[in-house]
Amino acid sequence: MLVGSIVILWLCHLSDSMEAAKARFFLGVVQVLVSVMNYGSPLSTLKLVFQRRSAESMPFLLGVMNLFTSMAWFLYGVLLSDEFLQIPNFLGFLLSVAQLSLFVIFPPPRILIY
């Protein structure tokens, strides 16, 4: 995580030497990548879910909140016609639906609220 943060800071520093339109596009692409990784991070336990046939290792509330947050930001991006808001949040919505569907397919013995 530290290495990722350093890389992001370095990329932001690179944008200082660019003209405004290129820097905005460059930072938008960085934001899209970081947002999609953030939304997809709960799926890091996917192998464990398939091995145990249980979604117990996945954070349920995080999936629910990611679903609502990504949907709200996607709709806001539609209102603004901003692709840098629409793309990562639509992908985040799909990843959240995938995560929550695992709770239906592989129901845990109990859902941990944390």
C-alpha atoms as a PDB file:
ATOM      1  CA  MET A   1       0.000   0.000   0.000  1.00  0.00           C
ATOM      2  CA  LEU A   2       2.892   2.326   0.787  1.00  0.00           C
ATOM      3  CA  VAL A   3       4.430   1.672  -2.618  1.00  0.00           C
ATOM      4  CA  GLY A   4       1.078   2.390  -4.289  1.00  0.00           C
ATOM      5  CA  SER A   5       0.769   5.677  -2.408  1.00  0.00           C
ATOM      6  CA  ILE A   6       4.274   6.692  -3.429  1.00  0.00           C
ATOM      7  CA  VAL A   7       3.527   5.866  -7.078  1.00  0.00           C
ATOM      8  CA  ILE A   8       0.317   7.933  -6.968  1.00  0.00           C
ATOM      9  CA  LEU A   9       2.167  10.886  -5.425  1.00  0.00           C
ATOM     10  CA  TRP A  10       4.859  10.559  -8.087  1.00  0.00           C
ATOM     11  CA  LEU A  11       2.218  10.548 -10.844  1.00  0.00           C
ATOM     12  CA  CYS A  12       0.620  13.660  -9.349  1.00  0.00           C
ATOM     13  CA  HIS A  13       4.035  15.319  -9.295  1.00  0.00           C
ATOM     14  CA  LEU A  14       4.501  14.448 -12.983  1.00  0.00           C
ATOM     15  CA  SER A  15       1.270  16.251 -13.800  1.00  0.00           C
ATOM     16  CA  ASP A  16       2.774  19.553 -12.583  1.00  0.00           C
ATOM     17  CA  SER A  17       4.967  19.751 -15.679  1.00  0.00           C
ATOM     18  CA  MET A  18       2.073  19.158 -18.111  1.00  0.00           C
ATOM     19  CA  GLU A  19      -0.282  21.663 -19.651  1.00  0.00           C
ATOM     20  CA  ALA A  20      -3.686  21.867 -17.924  1.00  0.00           C
ATOM     21  CA  ALA A  21      -5.742  19.718 -20.332  1.00  0.00           C
ATOM     22  CA  LYS A  22      -3.172  16.913 -20.432  1.00  0.00           C
ATOM     23  CA  ALA A  23      -2.708  17.015 -16.650  1.00  0.00           C
ATOM     24  CA  ARG A  24      -6.472  16.832 -16.089  1.00  0.00           C
ATOM     25  CA  PHE A  25      -6.716  13.814 -18.405  1.00  0.00           C
ATOM     26  CA  PHE A  26      -3.663  12.141 -16.860  1.00  0.00           C
ATOM     27  CA  LEU A  27      -4.937  12.590 -13.289  1.00  0.00           C
ATOM     28  CA  GLY A  28      -8.397  11.456 -14.409  1.00  0.00           C
ATOM     29  CA  VAL A  29      -6.942   8.185 -15.683  1.00  0.00           C
ATOM     30  CA  VAL A  30      -5.042   7.724 -12.408  1.00  0.00           C
ATOM     31  CA  GLN A  31      -8.262   8.376 -10.474  1.00  0.00           C
ATOM     32  CA  VAL A  32     -10.163   5.840 -12.571  1.00  0.00           C
ATOM     33  CA  LEU A  33      -7.551   3.143 -11.883  1.00  0.00           C
ATOM     34  CA  VAL A  34      -7.418   3.853  -8.149  1.00  0.00           C
ATOM     35  CA  SER A  35     -11.215   3.921  -7.841  1.00  0.00           C
ATOM     36  CA  VAL A  36     -11.671   0.620  -9.657  1.00  0.00           C
ATOM     37  CA  MET A  37      -9.000  -0.993  -7.469  1.00  0.00           C
ATOM     38  CA  ASN A  38     -10.778   0.379  -4.402  1.00  0.00           C
ATOM     39  CA  TYR A  39     -14.140  -1.027  -5.469  1.00  0.00           C
ATOM     40  CA  GLY A  40     -12.598  -4.367  -6.395  1.00  0.00           C
ATOM     41  CA  SER A  41     -10.555  -4.787  -3.221  1.00  0.00           C
ATOM     42  CA  PRO A  42     -13.242  -6.750  -1.306  1.00  0.00           C
ATOM     43  CA  LEU A  43     -13.004  -9.383  -4.036  1.00  0.00           C
ATOM     44  CA  SER A  44      -9.434 -10.142  -2.930  1.00  0.00           C
ATOM     45  CA  THR A  45     -10.853 -13.020  -0.859  1.00  0.00           C
ATOM     46  CA  LEU A  46     -12.552 -14.554  -3.901  1.00  0.00           C
ATOM     47  CA  LYS A  47     -10.308 -17.649  -3.892  1.00  0.00           C
ATOM     48  CA  LEU A  48     -11.158 -18.270  -0.233  1.00  0.00           C
ATOM     49  CA  VAL A  49     -14.888 -17.839  -0.943  1.00  0.00           C
ATOM     50  CA  PHE A  50     -14.753 -20.524  -3.652  1.00  0.00           C
ATOM     51  CA  GLN A  51     -12.621 -22.857  -1.541  1.00  0.00           C
ATOM     52  CA  ARG A  52     -14.872 -22.636   1.521  1.00  0.00           C
ATOM     53  CA  ARG A  53     -18.105 -22.229  -0.435  1.00  0.00           C
ATOM     54  CA  SER A  54     -18.962 -19.383   1.923  1.00  0.00           C
ATOM     55  CA  ALA A  55     -18.848 -15.585   1.595  1.00  0.00           C
ATOM     56  CA  GLU A  56     -18.007 -15.281   5.281  1.00  0.00           C
ATOM     57  CA  SER A  57     -14.578 -13.783   4.524  1.00  0.00           C
ATOM     58  CA  MET A  58     -16.082 -10.873   2.588  1.00  0.00           C
ATOM     59  CA  PRO A  59     -17.200  -7.627   4.244  1.00  0.00           C
ATOM     60  CA  PHE A  60     -20.956  -7.421   3.669  1.00  0.00           C
ATOM     61  CA  LEU A  61     -21.527  -3.796   4.734  1.00  0.00           C
ATOM     62  CA  LEU A  62     -18.616  -2.571   2.638  1.00  0.00           C
ATOM     63  CA  GLY A  63     -20.204  -4.216  -0.394  1.00  0.00           C
ATOM     64  CA  VAL A  64     -23.566  -2.596   0.331  1.00  0.00           C
ATOM     65  CA  MET A  65     -22.053   0.840   0.861  1.00  0.00           C
ATOM     66  CA  ASN A  66     -19.849   0.497  -2.238  1.00  0.00           C
ATOM     67  CA  LEU A  67     -22.998  -0.332  -4.211  1.00  0.00           C
ATOM     68  CA  PHE A  68     -24.863   2.783  -3.055  1.00  0.00           C
ATOM     69  CA  THR A  69     -21.821   5.062  -3.294  1.00  0.00           C
ATOM     70  CA  SER A  70     -20.843   3.946  -6.779  1.00  0.00           C
ATOM     71  CA  MET A  71     -24.445   4.278  -7.969  1.00  0.00           C
ATOM     72  CA  ALA A  72     -24.724   7.827  -6.582  1.00  0.00           C
ATOM     73  CA  TRP A  73     -21.412   8.969  -8.058  1.00  0.00           C
ATOM     74  CA  PHE A  74     -22.241   7.349 -11.410  1.00  0.00           C
ATOM     75  CA  LEU A  75     -25.539   9.237 -11.582  1.00  0.00           C
ATOM     76  CA  TYR A  76     -23.746  12.453 -10.645  1.00  0.00           C
ATOM     77  CA  GLY A  77     -21.252  11.784 -13.444  1.00  0.00           C
ATOM     78  CA  VAL A  78     -24.155  11.305 -15.865  1.00  0.00           C
ATOM     79  CA  LEU A  79     -25.617  14.670 -14.802  1.00  0.00           C
ATOM     80  CA  LEU A  80     -22.252  16.359 -15.369  1.00  0.00           C
ATOM     81  CA  SER A  81     -21.421  14.323 -18.500  1.00  0.00           C
ATOM     82  CA  ASP A  82     -18.090  13.465 -16.857  1.00  0.00           C
ATOM     83  CA  GLU A  83     -16.586  10.197 -18.044  1.00  0.00           C
ATOM     84  CA  PHE A  84     -14.041  10.240 -15.225  1.00  0.00           C
ATOM     85  CA  LEU A  85     -16.926   9.936 -12.774  1.00  0.00           C
ATOM     86  CA  GLN A  86     -19.042   7.593 -14.869  1.00  0.00           C
ATOM     87  CA  ILE A  87     -16.498   4.909 -15.822  1.00  0.00           C
ATOM     88  CA  PRO A  88     -15.001   3.975 -12.440  1.00  0.00           C
ATOM     89  CA  ASN A  89     -18.310   4.196 -10.624  1.00  0.00           C
ATOM     90  CA  PHE A  90     -20.148   2.079 -13.184  1.00  0.00           C
ATOM     91  CA  LEU A  91     -17.383  -0.510 -12.864  1.00  0.00           C
ATOM     92  CA  GLY A  92     -17.602  -0.130  -9.077  1.00  0.00           C
ATOM     93  CA  PHE A  93     -21.337  -0.763  -9.259  1.00  0.00           C
ATOM     94  CA  LEU A  94     -20.739  -3.955 -11.260  1.00  0.00           C
ATOM     95  CA  LEU A  95     -18.016  -5.118  -8.861  1.00  0.00           C
ATOM     96  CA  SER A  96     -20.297  -4.429  -5.879  1.00  0.00           C
ATOM     97  CA  VAL A  97     -23.132  -6.387  -7.484  1.00  0.00           C
ATOM     98  CA  ALA A  98     -20.692  -9.255  -8.097  1.00  0.00           C
ATOM     99  CA  GLN A  99     -19.560  -9.139  -4.481  1.00  0.00           C
ATOM    100  CA  LEU A 100     -23.092  -9.069  -3.090  1.00  0.00           C
ATOM    101  CA  SER A 101     -24.187 -11.847  -5.439  1.00  0.00           C
ATOM    102  CA  LEU A 102     -21.588 -14.071  -3.783  1.00  0.00           C
ATOM    103  CA  PHE A 103     -23.554 -13.671  -0.533  1.00  0.00           C
ATOM    104  CA  VAL A 104     -26.557 -15.157  -2.342  1.00  0.00           C
ATOM    105  CA  ILE A 105     -24.633 -17.915  -4.125  1.00  0.00           C
ATOM    106  CA  PHE A 106     -22.440 -18.862  -1.142  1.00  0.00           C
ATOM    107  CA  PRO A 107     -24.378 -17.712   1.922  1.00  0.00           C
ATOM    108  CA  PRO A 108     -22.236 -17.515   5.052  1.00  0.00           C
ATOM    109  CA  PRO A 109     -23.432 -19.245   8.230  1.00  0.00           C
ATOM    110  CA  ARG A 110     -23.751 -15.742   9.665  1.00  0.00           C
ATOM    111  CA  ILE A 111     -23.186 -12.291   8.241  1.00  0.00           C
ATOM    112  CA  LEU A 112     -20.634 -10.329  10.228  1.00  0.00           C
ATOM    113  CA  ILE A 113     -21.495  -6.655  10.531  1.00  0.00           C
ATOM    114  CA  TYR A 114     -18.155  -4.862  10.750  1.00  0.00           C
END
